[in-house]
Protein backbone atom coordinates (compact mmCIF):
# COMPACT_ATOMS: atom_id res chain seq x y z
CA MET A 1 30.12 -17.55 65.82
CA ALA A 2 30.10 -14.32 67.74
CA SER A 3 28.00 -11.61 66.16
CA SER A 4 27.52 -7.94 66.82
CA LYS A 5 24.28 -6.71 68.31
CA ALA A 6 23.49 -4.91 65.05
CA GLN A 7 23.96 -8.10 63.03
CA TRP A 8 21.86 -10.07 65.54
CA ILE A 9 18.99 -7.59 65.24
CA ARG A 10 19.14 -7.70 61.43
CA ASN A 11 18.93 -11.51 61.55
CA VAL A 12 16.17 -11.75 64.13
CA TYR A 13 14.01 -8.80 63.14
CA PRO A 14 13.83 -8.65 59.32
CA LYS A 15 12.73 -5.36 57.84
CA ASP A 16 9.39 -6.60 56.60
CA GLY A 17 7.00 -4.66 58.79
CA ASP A 18 6.93 -7.39 61.43
CA ARG A 19 5.96 -5.93 64.80
CA LEU A 20 9.06 -7.44 66.37
CA GLN A 21 11.31 -5.21 64.28
CA ARG A 22 9.82 -2.04 65.73
CA TYR A 23 10.81 -0.61 69.06
CA THR A 24 8.25 -0.93 71.84
CA THR A 25 7.40 2.31 73.62
CA ILE A 26 6.66 2.55 77.33
CA SER A 27 6.18 5.93 79.00
CA ASP A 28 7.46 7.64 75.84
CA THR A 29 10.74 5.72 76.06
CA GLU A 30 11.99 3.67 73.14
CA ILE A 31 12.80 0.13 74.23
CA GLU A 32 15.12 -1.91 72.04
CA PRO A 33 14.61 -5.69 71.85
CA LEU A 34 18.13 -6.46 73.12
CA TYR A 35 20.67 -4.66 75.24
CA ALA A 36 24.33 -5.71 74.97
CA PRO A 37 27.76 -4.55 76.21
CA GLU A 38 27.98 -1.80 73.60
CA ASP A 39 24.94 -0.14 75.19
CA SER A 40 26.76 0.55 78.45
CA ALA A 41 30.17 1.58 79.57
CA ALA A 42 30.62 -1.97 78.84
CA GLN A 43 32.70 -5.03 78.79
CA PRO A 44 33.76 -6.74 75.57
CA TYR A 45 31.52 -9.35 73.98
CA ASP A 46 31.55 -12.48 76.16
CA GLU A 47 31.16 -15.82 74.38
CA ARG A 48 29.83 -17.38 77.58
CA LEU A 49 26.81 -15.17 77.13
CA GLY A 50 26.38 -14.85 73.38
CA HIS A 51 23.10 -13.42 72.19
CA PRO A 52 19.65 -14.94 72.77
CA GLY A 53 19.10 -17.93 70.53
CA GLU A 54 22.86 -18.47 70.11
CA TYR A 55 25.08 -21.11 71.73
CA PRO A 56 25.49 -21.48 74.69
CA PHE A 57 21.99 -19.97 75.16
CA THR A 58 22.78 -18.29 78.48
CA ARG A 59 20.58 -15.39 77.41
CA GLY A 60 17.66 -17.51 76.19
CA VAL A 61 16.82 -20.38 73.88
CA TYR A 62 14.99 -18.24 71.32
CA PRO A 63 16.17 -14.99 69.74
CA SER A 64 12.99 -12.98 70.31
CA MET A 65 11.84 -14.71 73.53
CA TYR A 66 8.61 -13.11 74.83
CA ARG A 67 8.58 -10.35 72.20
CA GLY A 68 7.78 -13.13 69.76
CA LYS A 69 5.65 -15.42 71.92
CA LEU A 70 4.74 -15.40 75.59
CA TRP A 71 5.51 -18.35 77.80
CA THR A 72 2.76 -20.98 78.06
CA MET A 73 0.57 -20.19 81.05
CA ARG A 74 -0.46 -23.30 82.95
CA GLN A 75 -2.30 -23.95 86.20
CA PHE A 76 -1.95 -27.35 87.80
CA ALA A 77 -5.47 -28.77 88.00
CA GLY A 78 -6.86 -32.07 89.16
CA PHE A 79 -9.30 -33.13 91.86
CA GLY A 80 -12.20 -35.45 92.45
CA ALA A 81 -13.56 -37.47 89.55
CA ALA A 82 -12.75 -36.91 85.88
CA GLU A 83 -15.82 -34.76 85.26
CA ASP A 84 -14.85 -32.42 88.13
CA THR A 85 -11.42 -31.71 86.68
CA ASN A 86 -12.83 -31.45 83.17
CA GLU A 87 -15.01 -28.59 84.42
CA ARG A 88 -11.96 -26.86 85.98
CA PHE A 89 -10.00 -27.29 82.71
CA LYS A 90 -12.75 -25.56 80.76
CA PHE A 91 -12.93 -22.75 83.31
CA LEU A 92 -9.20 -22.10 83.07
CA LEU A 93 -9.14 -22.21 79.28
CA GLY A 94 -12.01 -19.72 79.31
CA GLN A 95 -9.95 -17.40 81.51
CA GLY A 96 -7.03 -17.25 79.09
CA GLN A 97 -4.88 -20.20 80.15
CA HIS A 98 -2.79 -21.54 77.24
CA GLY A 99 -2.26 -25.19 78.15
CA LEU A 100 -3.55 -27.85 80.52
CA SER A 101 -1.56 -29.25 83.42
CA THR A 102 -2.97 -32.38 85.02
CA ALA A 103 -2.60 -33.52 88.64
CA PHE A 104 -3.52 -37.13 89.41
CA ASP A 105 -4.51 -38.56 92.79
CA MET A 106 -2.14 -40.72 94.83
CA PRO A 107 -3.58 -44.12 93.82
CA THR A 108 -3.19 -43.22 90.13
CA LEU A 109 0.33 -41.91 90.73
CA MET A 110 1.31 -45.13 92.49
CA GLY A 111 -0.32 -47.43 89.93
CA TYR A 112 -3.41 -48.58 91.82
CA ASP A 113 -7.05 -48.52 90.75
CA ALA A 114 -9.63 -46.73 92.84
CA ASP A 115 -11.05 -50.06 94.08
CA HIS A 116 -7.73 -51.30 95.46
CA PRO A 117 -7.50 -51.50 99.29
CA ARG A 118 -4.42 -49.24 99.24
CA ALA A 119 -6.44 -46.51 97.52
CA ARG A 120 -8.90 -46.20 100.38
CA GLY A 121 -9.24 -42.63 101.64
CA GLU A 122 -7.10 -41.18 98.83
CA VAL A 123 -9.31 -41.34 95.74
CA GLY A 124 -9.64 -37.90 94.17
CA ARG A 125 -8.04 -36.20 97.18
CA GLU A 126 -4.73 -34.87 95.82
CA GLY A 127 -5.62 -34.93 92.14
CA VAL A 128 -8.02 -36.48 89.70
CA ALA A 129 -8.82 -40.20 89.87
CA VAL A 130 -8.08 -42.03 86.60
CA SER A 131 -8.27 -45.83 86.53
CA SER A 132 -9.47 -46.59 83.00
CA LEU A 133 -9.60 -45.29 79.46
CA SER A 134 -13.18 -44.23 80.10
CA ASP A 135 -11.94 -41.93 82.89
CA MET A 136 -9.38 -40.39 80.54
CA GLU A 137 -12.03 -39.79 77.88
CA THR A 138 -14.23 -38.05 80.46
CA LEU A 139 -11.30 -35.99 81.74
CA PHE A 140 -10.70 -34.45 78.30
CA ALA A 141 -14.28 -34.46 77.01
CA ASP A 142 -15.02 -31.58 74.60
CA ILE A 143 -11.41 -30.35 74.75
CA PRO A 144 -9.65 -30.20 71.34
CA LEU A 145 -6.56 -32.27 72.00
CA ASP A 146 -4.93 -31.20 68.74
CA GLU A 147 -5.33 -27.49 69.64
CA VAL A 148 -4.11 -27.39 73.25
CA THR A 149 -0.92 -28.70 74.82
CA THR A 150 -1.37 -31.00 77.78
CA SER A 151 1.03 -31.65 80.64
CA MET A 152 0.59 -34.70 82.87
CA THR A 153 2.44 -34.91 86.17
CA VAL A 154 2.85 -38.64 86.69
CA ASN A 155 5.88 -40.88 86.84
CA CYS A 156 5.88 -44.59 87.72
CA SER A 157 2.53 -45.14 85.99
CA ALA A 158 3.27 -42.59 83.24
CA SER A 159 3.40 -45.13 80.42
CA VAL A 160 -0.19 -46.18 81.13
CA LEU A 161 -1.57 -42.65 81.44
CA LEU A 162 0.16 -41.59 78.21
CA ALA A 163 -1.20 -44.69 76.48
CA MET A 164 -4.70 -43.69 77.61
CA TYR A 165 -4.23 -40.13 76.34
CA PHE A 166 -3.04 -41.43 72.98
CA ALA A 167 -5.89 -43.93 72.80
CA THR A 168 -8.39 -41.15 73.57
CA ALA A 169 -7.01 -39.09 70.68
CA GLU A 170 -7.09 -42.05 68.30
CA ARG A 171 -10.73 -42.76 69.16
CA ARG A 172 -11.50 -39.19 68.15
CA GLY A 173 -9.65 -39.58 64.87
CA ILE A 174 -6.73 -37.36 65.91
CA ALA A 175 -3.32 -38.52 64.70
CA LEU A 176 -0.64 -38.86 67.37
CA SER A 177 1.58 -36.62 65.26
CA LYS A 178 -0.80 -33.72 65.99
CA LEU A 179 -0.64 -34.04 69.77
CA GLY A 180 1.51 -31.59 71.70
CA GLY A 181 2.38 -31.85 75.35
CA THR A 182 4.58 -33.28 78.06
CA ILE A 183 4.46 -36.16 80.49
CA GLN A 184 6.75 -35.82 83.49
CA ASN A 185 7.92 -39.44 83.53
CA ASP A 186 11.12 -38.66 85.47
CA MET A 187 11.73 -41.70 87.65
CA LEU A 188 15.30 -40.83 88.64
CA LYS A 189 14.15 -37.77 90.56
CA GLU A 190 11.49 -39.94 92.19
CA PHE A 191 14.22 -42.12 93.69
CA ILE A 192 16.11 -38.98 94.71
CA ALA A 193 13.29 -36.87 96.10
CA GLN A 194 9.57 -37.51 95.68
CA LYS A 195 9.53 -41.25 96.48
CA GLU A 196 6.68 -42.38 94.21
CA TRP A 197 7.90 -45.54 92.55
CA ILE A 198 7.07 -49.09 91.56
CA SER A 199 10.17 -50.76 90.19
CA PRO A 200 13.95 -50.28 90.68
CA PRO A 201 15.96 -47.72 88.68
CA GLN A 202 17.21 -49.93 85.84
CA PRO A 203 13.81 -51.22 84.60
CA SER A 204 12.26 -47.81 85.28
CA VAL A 205 14.77 -46.14 82.96
CA ARG A 206 14.12 -48.88 80.38
CA VAL A 207 10.40 -47.97 80.32
CA ILE A 208 11.26 -44.27 79.95
CA VAL A 209 13.53 -45.02 76.98
CA ASP A 210 10.70 -47.08 75.45
CA MET A 211 8.52 -43.96 75.69
CA ILE A 212 11.21 -41.68 74.26
CA GLU A 213 11.69 -44.08 71.34
CA PHE A 214 7.95 -44.42 70.68
CA CYS A 215 7.23 -40.70 70.85
CA THR A 216 10.21 -39.83 68.66
CA ARG A 217 8.77 -42.03 65.92
CA GLN A 218 5.01 -41.78 66.46
CA ALA A 219 4.30 -38.54 68.37
CA PRO A 220 7.11 -36.13 67.44
CA ARG A 221 5.49 -33.08 69.09
CA TRP A 222 5.25 -34.85 72.44
CA HIS A 223 7.87 -34.52 75.21
CA ALA A 224 8.23 -38.05 76.59
CA VAL A 225 10.09 -36.94 79.70
CA SER A 226 10.24 -33.71 81.68
CA ILE A 227 13.49 -33.88 83.61
CA SER A 228 12.44 -32.41 86.90
CA GLY A 229 14.37 -30.48 89.50
CA TYR A 230 11.16 -29.20 91.04
CA HIS A 231 10.71 -32.02 93.52
CA ILE A 232 14.43 -32.13 94.27
CA ARG A 233 14.14 -28.53 95.48
CA GLU A 234 10.89 -29.25 97.33
CA ALA A 235 12.73 -32.01 99.20
CA GLY A 236 15.12 -29.40 100.58
CA SER A 237 18.00 -29.13 98.13
CA THR A 238 19.97 -25.99 97.46
CA ALA A 239 19.70 -24.26 94.09
CA ALA A 240 23.06 -25.72 93.03
CA GLN A 241 21.97 -29.24 94.03
CA GLU A 242 18.70 -28.86 92.14
CA LEU A 243 20.64 -27.79 89.06
CA ALA A 244 23.25 -30.55 89.37
CA PHE A 245 21.00 -33.51 90.12
CA THR A 246 18.47 -32.48 87.47
CA LEU A 247 21.09 -32.30 84.74
CA ALA A 248 22.68 -35.53 86.03
CA ASP A 249 19.29 -37.22 85.59
CA GLY A 250 19.17 -35.82 82.06
CA ILE A 251 22.62 -37.26 81.36
CA GLY A 252 21.36 -40.62 82.60
CA TYR A 253 18.38 -40.65 80.23
CA VAL A 254 20.43 -39.49 77.25
CA GLN A 255 23.07 -42.14 77.92
CA ALA A 256 20.44 -44.88 78.19
CA ALA A 257 18.76 -43.78 74.95
CA VAL A 258 22.08 -43.64 73.09
CA GLU A 259 22.96 -47.12 74.38
CA ARG A 260 19.58 -48.30 73.02
CA GLY A 261 20.82 -47.14 69.61
CA LEU A 262 18.71 -44.02 69.26
CA ASP A 263 20.13 -41.10 67.28
CA ILE A 264 20.74 -38.28 69.74
CA ASP A 265 19.73 -35.63 67.24
CA GLU A 266 16.40 -37.36 66.69
CA PHE A 267 15.26 -37.58 70.32
CA ALA A 268 17.18 -34.84 72.16
CA PRO A 269 15.18 -31.89 70.72
CA ARG A 270 12.09 -33.23 72.51
CA LEU A 271 13.65 -33.53 75.96
CA SER A 272 12.23 -30.95 78.34
CA PHE A 273 12.98 -29.76 81.86
CA PHE A 274 11.09 -28.58 84.91
CA PHE A 275 12.59 -26.29 87.56
CA ASN A 276 11.45 -24.89 90.87
CA ILE A 277 11.43 -21.09 91.24
CA HIS A 278 12.18 -20.27 94.86
CA SER A 279 12.28 -16.96 96.67
CA ASP A 280 15.94 -15.91 96.27
CA PHE A 281 15.14 -13.73 93.28
CA PHE A 282 18.49 -13.30 91.54
CA GLU A 283 19.72 -16.80 92.38
CA GLU A 284 16.70 -18.31 90.65
CA ILE A 285 17.23 -16.18 87.55
CA ALA A 286 20.89 -17.19 87.48
CA LYS A 287 19.96 -20.86 87.95
CA LEU A 288 17.90 -20.97 84.76
CA ARG A 289 20.64 -19.16 82.83
CA ALA A 290 23.29 -21.59 84.13
CA ALA A 291 21.07 -24.57 83.31
CA ARG A 292 20.83 -23.55 79.65
CA ARG A 293 24.56 -23.02 79.32
CA MET A 294 25.46 -26.27 81.07
CA TRP A 295 23.04 -28.39 79.02
CA ALA A 296 24.26 -26.88 75.76
CA LYS A 297 27.83 -27.77 76.70
CA LEU A 298 26.91 -31.28 77.81
CA MET A 299 24.95 -32.07 74.68
CA ARG A 300 27.49 -30.64 72.24
CA GLU A 301 30.74 -31.62 73.97
CA ARG A 302 29.90 -34.75 75.98
CA PHE A 303 27.40 -36.40 73.65
CA GLY A 304 28.44 -34.90 70.31
CA ALA A 305 24.98 -33.69 69.30
CA LYS A 306 25.16 -31.83 65.99
CA ASN A 307 21.67 -30.36 65.71
CA PRO A 308 21.50 -26.99 67.50
CA ARG A 309 17.98 -27.88 68.65
CA SER A 310 19.53 -30.75 70.62
CA TRP A 311 21.53 -28.22 72.64
CA LEU A 312 18.49 -26.29 73.84
CA LEU A 313 17.28 -26.62 77.41
CA ARG A 314 13.61 -25.71 77.22
CA THR A 315 11.91 -25.66 80.56
CA HIS A 316 8.68 -25.42 82.45
CA ALA A 317 8.89 -23.67 85.82
CA GLN A 318 6.67 -23.64 88.86
CA THR A 319 6.72 -21.37 91.85
CA ALA A 320 7.90 -23.03 95.06
CA GLY A 321 5.18 -24.89 96.92
CA CYS A 322 7.49 -25.43 99.90
CA SER A 323 7.89 -21.66 100.32
CA LEU A 324 4.17 -21.14 100.94
CA THR A 325 2.79 -20.95 104.45
CA ALA A 326 -0.42 -21.94 106.18
CA GLN A 327 0.05 -18.89 108.39
CA GLN A 328 -1.20 -15.65 106.83
CA PRO A 329 -1.98 -17.39 103.51
CA LEU A 330 -2.67 -14.14 101.65
CA ASN A 331 1.08 -13.47 101.88
CA ASN A 332 1.50 -16.38 99.47
CA ILE A 333 0.11 -14.22 96.66
CA VAL A 334 3.14 -11.93 97.03
CA ARG A 335 5.58 -14.83 97.23
CA VAL A 336 4.16 -16.36 94.07
CA ALA A 337 4.26 -13.07 92.16
CA VAL A 338 7.93 -12.49 92.99
CA GLN A 339 8.85 -16.07 92.11
CA ALA A 340 6.90 -15.93 88.86
CA LEU A 341 8.71 -12.74 87.87
CA ALA A 342 12.03 -14.49 88.52
CA GLY A 343 10.95 -17.35 86.26
CA VAL A 344 10.08 -14.93 83.48
CA LEU A 345 13.31 -12.95 83.83
CA GLY A 346 15.15 -16.28 83.87
CA GLY A 347 13.61 -17.19 80.52
CA THR A 348 11.20 -20.06 81.18
CA GLN A 349 9.08 -21.41 78.31
CA SER A 350 6.13 -22.42 80.48
CA LEU A 351 5.00 -21.38 83.94
CA HIS A 352 2.68 -22.54 86.70
CA THR A 353 1.89 -20.18 89.56
CA ASN A 354 0.85 -21.77 92.84
CA SER A 355 -2.36 -20.78 94.56
CA MET A 356 -2.45 -19.02 97.92
CA ASP A 357 -4.37 -21.83 99.64
CA GLU A 358 -2.26 -24.82 98.54
CA THR A 359 -0.79 -25.41 102.00
CA LEU A 360 -4.32 -25.93 103.27
CA ALA A 361 -6.17 -27.76 100.50
CA LEU A 362 -6.44 -28.24 96.77
CA PRO A 363 -6.78 -24.81 95.10
CA SER A 364 -10.20 -23.24 95.10
CA GLU A 365 -11.51 -21.66 91.92
CA GLN A 366 -10.93 -18.17 93.30
CA ALA A 367 -7.37 -18.95 94.38
CA VAL A 368 -6.41 -20.51 91.06
CA LEU A 369 -7.85 -17.52 89.21
CA VAL A 370 -5.68 -15.13 91.25
CA ALA A 371 -2.65 -17.29 90.44
CA LEU A 372 -3.43 -17.19 86.72
CA ARG A 373 -4.06 -13.44 86.81
CA THR A 374 -0.62 -13.05 88.42
CA GLN A 375 0.98 -14.40 85.26
CA GLN A 376 -1.24 -12.30 83.04
CA ILE A 377 -0.38 -9.11 84.92
CA ILE A 378 3.34 -9.84 84.59
CA ALA A 379 2.86 -10.49 80.87
CA GLU A 380 0.55 -7.60 80.03
CA GLU A 381 1.26 -4.79 82.50
CA THR A 382 4.87 -4.83 83.71
CA GLY A 383 6.74 -4.33 80.44
CA VAL A 384 9.30 -7.02 81.24
CA THR A 385 8.34 -8.94 78.09
CA ASN A 386 9.67 -6.11 75.92
CA PHE A 387 13.26 -7.10 76.75
CA VAL A 388 15.17 -10.22 75.79
CA ASP A 389 17.21 -11.15 78.89
CA PRO A 390 17.18 -7.67 80.42
CA LEU A 391 19.54 -8.73 83.23
CA GLY A 392 22.21 -10.09 80.89
CA GLY A 393 25.53 -8.47 81.70
CA SER A 394 24.58 -7.61 85.28
CA TYR A 395 27.66 -8.13 87.42
CA ALA A 396 25.62 -9.79 90.15
CA VAL A 397 23.58 -12.04 87.87
CA GLU A 398 26.59 -13.13 85.80
CA ALA A 399 28.61 -13.87 88.95
CA LEU A 400 25.74 -15.94 90.37
CA THR A 401 25.35 -17.76 87.04
CA ASP A 402 29.06 -18.65 87.01
CA ARG A 403 29.00 -19.75 90.65
CA LEU A 404 25.98 -22.03 90.23
CA GLU A 405 27.45 -23.55 87.08
CA ALA A 406 30.75 -24.32 88.85
CA GLU A 407 29.05 -25.82 91.91
CA ALA A 408 26.71 -27.94 89.79
CA PHE A 409 29.50 -29.27 87.58
CA ASP A 410 31.41 -30.26 90.74
CA TYR A 411 28.44 -32.42 91.76
CA ILE A 412 28.18 -33.91 88.26
CA ARG A 413 31.89 -34.83 88.30
CA ARG A 414 31.37 -36.57 91.64
CA ILE A 415 28.40 -38.50 90.24
CA ASP A 416 30.48 -39.55 87.23
CA GLU A 417 33.19 -40.81 89.60
CA LEU A 418 30.58 -42.90 91.43
CA GLY A 419 29.59 -44.59 88.14
CA GLY A 420 26.72 -42.42 86.96
CA ILE A 421 23.43 -41.22 88.37
CA VAL A 422 21.75 -44.63 88.68
CA ARG A 423 24.66 -45.97 90.74
CA ALA A 424 24.73 -42.75 92.79
CA ILE A 425 21.03 -43.20 93.58
CA GLU A 426 21.52 -46.86 94.48
CA ILE A 427 24.08 -45.92 97.13
CA GLY A 428 22.01 -42.94 98.30
CA TYR A 429 24.43 -40.13 97.39
CA PRO A 430 22.02 -37.41 96.15
CA GLN A 431 19.47 -38.37 98.78
CA LYS A 432 22.05 -37.83 101.54
CA GLU A 433 23.21 -34.49 100.12
CA ILE A 434 19.65 -33.18 99.96
CA ALA A 435 18.80 -34.41 103.46
CA GLU A 436 21.81 -32.58 104.88
CA ALA A 437 20.92 -29.36 102.99
CA SER A 438 17.33 -29.56 104.20
CA TYR A 439 18.47 -30.06 107.79
CA ARG A 440 20.79 -27.05 107.60
CA TYR A 441 17.97 -24.89 106.24
CA GLN A 442 15.60 -25.95 108.99
CA GLN A 443 18.25 -25.16 111.59
CA GLN A 444 18.59 -21.66 110.12
CA LEU A 445 14.82 -21.15 110.29
CA ASP A 446 14.67 -22.40 113.88
CA ALA A 447 17.52 -20.07 114.86
CA GLY A 448 15.94 -17.11 113.07
CA GLU A 449 18.93 -16.81 110.74
CA LYS A 450 16.52 -17.11 107.83
CA VAL A 451 13.18 -15.36 107.99
CA MET A 452 9.83 -16.74 106.90
CA VAL A 453 7.32 -13.94 107.28
CA GLY A 454 4.40 -14.93 109.48
CA VAL A 455 6.16 -18.08 110.69
CA ASN A 456 9.28 -17.10 112.62
CA ARG A 457 8.86 -13.32 112.38
CA TYR A 458 5.90 -10.92 112.11
CA GLN A 459 3.50 -13.48 113.55
CA MET A 460 -0.02 -12.39 114.30
CA GLU A 461 -3.36 -13.77 115.31
CA GLU A 462 -4.97 -15.34 112.29
CA GLY A 463 -8.01 -13.79 110.63
CA PRO A 464 -11.06 -15.58 109.22
CA PRO A 465 -10.17 -18.84 107.43
CA LEU A 466 -10.16 -19.03 103.66
CA GLU A 467 -12.97 -20.82 101.90
CA LEU A 468 -11.37 -24.12 100.91
CA LEU A 469 -12.14 -26.73 98.27
CA ARG A 470 -13.49 -29.85 99.96
CA ILE A 471 -13.53 -33.32 98.39
CA GLY A 472 -16.44 -35.29 99.76
CA ASN A 473 -16.45 -39.02 100.48
CA ASP A 474 -19.02 -39.48 97.74
CA VAL A 475 -16.28 -38.96 95.12
CA GLU A 476 -14.49 -42.10 96.24
CA ARG A 477 -17.69 -44.14 96.48
CA ARG A 478 -18.75 -43.15 92.97
CA GLN A 479 -15.30 -43.80 91.47
CA VAL A 480 -14.95 -47.21 93.13
CA GLN A 481 -18.39 -48.20 91.86
CA ARG A 482 -17.52 -47.07 88.32
CA VAL A 483 -14.30 -49.07 88.28
CA ARG A 484 -16.06 -52.21 89.48
CA GLU A 485 -18.82 -51.83 86.91
CA ARG A 486 -16.34 -51.33 84.06
CA LYS A 487 -14.33 -54.37 85.07
CA ALA A 488 -17.48 -56.47 85.27
CA ALA A 489 -18.63 -55.38 81.80
CA ARG A 490 -15.35 -56.10 79.97
CA ASN A 491 -14.53 -58.96 77.66
CA SER A 492 -12.44 -61.06 80.05
CA ALA A 493 -10.66 -62.97 77.29
CA SER A 494 -9.55 -59.76 75.55
CA VAL A 495 -8.33 -58.34 78.85
CA GLN A 496 -6.25 -61.41 79.65
CA THR A 497 -4.79 -61.52 76.15
CA ALA A 498 -3.79 -57.86 76.42
CA ILE A 499 -2.23 -58.32 79.87
CA THR A 500 -0.29 -61.33 78.60
CA ALA A 501 1.08 -59.20 75.74
CA VAL A 502 2.24 -56.53 78.22
CA ARG A 503 3.90 -59.19 80.38
CA ARG A 504 5.66 -60.69 77.36
CA ALA A 505 7.01 -57.32 76.21
CA ALA A 506 8.19 -56.49 79.73
CA LYS A 507 10.14 -59.74 79.84
CA ASP A 508 11.60 -59.85 76.32
CA GLY A 509 12.63 -56.17 76.08
CA SER A 510 10.20 -55.16 73.34
CA ASN A 511 8.95 -51.59 73.35
CA LEU A 512 6.10 -51.52 75.84
CA MET A 513 4.14 -48.57 74.47
CA PRO A 514 2.34 -50.28 71.56
CA VAL A 515 1.13 -53.16 73.75
CA ILE A 516 0.07 -50.85 76.59
CA ILE A 517 -1.92 -48.71 74.15
CA GLU A 518 -3.61 -51.84 72.86
CA ALA A 519 -4.24 -53.01 76.43
CA VAL A 520 -5.97 -49.82 77.58
CA LYS A 521 -8.15 -49.91 74.45
CA ASN A 522 -9.29 -53.32 75.72
CA GLU A 523 -10.22 -51.75 79.09
CA VAL A 524 -7.13 -52.92 80.98
CA THR A 525 -6.76 -50.53 83.91
CA VAL A 526 -3.86 -48.52 85.34
CA GLY A 527 -3.56 -50.92 88.26
CA GLU A 528 -3.55 -54.03 86.09
CA VAL A 529 -0.70 -52.81 83.88
CA CYS A 530 1.26 -51.66 86.92
CA ASP A 531 0.72 -55.05 88.55
CA VAL A 532 2.61 -56.53 85.60
CA PHE A 533 5.48 -54.12 86.33
CA ARG A 534 5.47 -55.21 89.96
CA GLU A 535 5.49 -58.86 88.91
CA VAL A 536 8.17 -58.69 86.20
CA PHE A 537 10.44 -55.87 87.39
CA GLY A 538 10.00 -56.18 91.15
CA VAL A 539 9.28 -53.48 93.72
CA TYR A 540 11.93 -50.93 94.71
CA ARG A 541 13.11 -50.39 98.27
CA ASP A 542 14.89 -47.16 99.23
CA PRO A 543 18.49 -47.95 100.26
CA ALA A 544 18.16 -45.53 103.14
CA TYR A 545 15.59 -47.80 104.75
CA VAL A 546 16.75 -51.29 103.75
């Protein structure tokens, strides 16, 4: 129900001496926690906005937002062998980072071991190489898994990497119920945008629902899927397309889980999202606000969720990698700062800031530290965290929010008419829409209608090159040798029994997670489990190229 600002403040900030109840003072000015229509020449209370923490959550998913708790600060980290990334994790935690965010190399992402011929030249290059449970244990050595939250960016092989993470915790005596974190695991956006897949959409969604079901019952603090618009935007979509196709993917997962027989109010509170924060400052703020309102409506009205926590769209955000330039790379620091501020003003729950050198190489230690400090400066020095949705009620922001919502719902209606998101992907609808948007954008850049500083305007002769992180060939040689030695030392009978159990579950529809966890404990590798997927489910071919 609608409530007055005064009533909202009484509910959120009880008069018990809590610091949140007191005004924050900046430059001798009293700053209230919330500003509402009655604080201006104002409009009447608008139910489309509500107050923070109230349906439809346009103004934020939590009443106190950053006055109560800052967003989780993450830096994407992963390179070389497991021990290399473990060292970077410890460095970042020591510099004030809140949670870990793990990047895996291309062979791991595609479900191949380091010793596979297709892995040649790619091991440890774009992320950390993980082929076995031993690699996972090294990756998180001396890191208290029950005290940090961990994010893992991996999709078609996600079930195996999550099984290894869970097995690592169990070997340390940590209950799965104490683990907090997120695994991306969003295969629908892979078919739409990023193109890292093994099997076709239907079996891929089945595996994701297996993971949602398992985590709901065994690891309730874990987000089994992070429904990701980030890569949709990186592929060239507009903000409205990113919003629409991301929420359409979410609808697809919810529908599949409900059809499995899962109770929506048991699994929906642990769904999470991941959005790109691009350079159009107010549009990006409006996009996050529209996303919350749309998801709340979809969950309550379309799916009939009763638990208010099921209506919440909680999201991680990352600044836009595709907006960064190899030319004048120091300019990227400014781009990232502006984008990060938009993410904060839009109300993200977690944030990654890109490093200035990411168009040239994996981030160096210096570059990643600057990116982390960017978040810390926004949090500690700017004062923006003293307000809950400070732009709420802005004519421009509210108009943009309404426009993005309307455009995104138009796309979702079209997808429904096509038979749902899986069918839309199978006929190439979102892929075609994004390709056309990307082409239009490139035309505008080429014509100078859109400006990219240092690229099509304000060019200059480049200065001295940045000092870049280099991954030597010895990383691949060492990792390949390790994998071969581990395979040679295993109990072959136990490995074959475990692989047979995975194959049986894949064929008969049993939940795959318990057997994959058991398999990795018996030293079955990422590639060996994924080979079962290739055998049983088949290998996907993009309809655009068939």
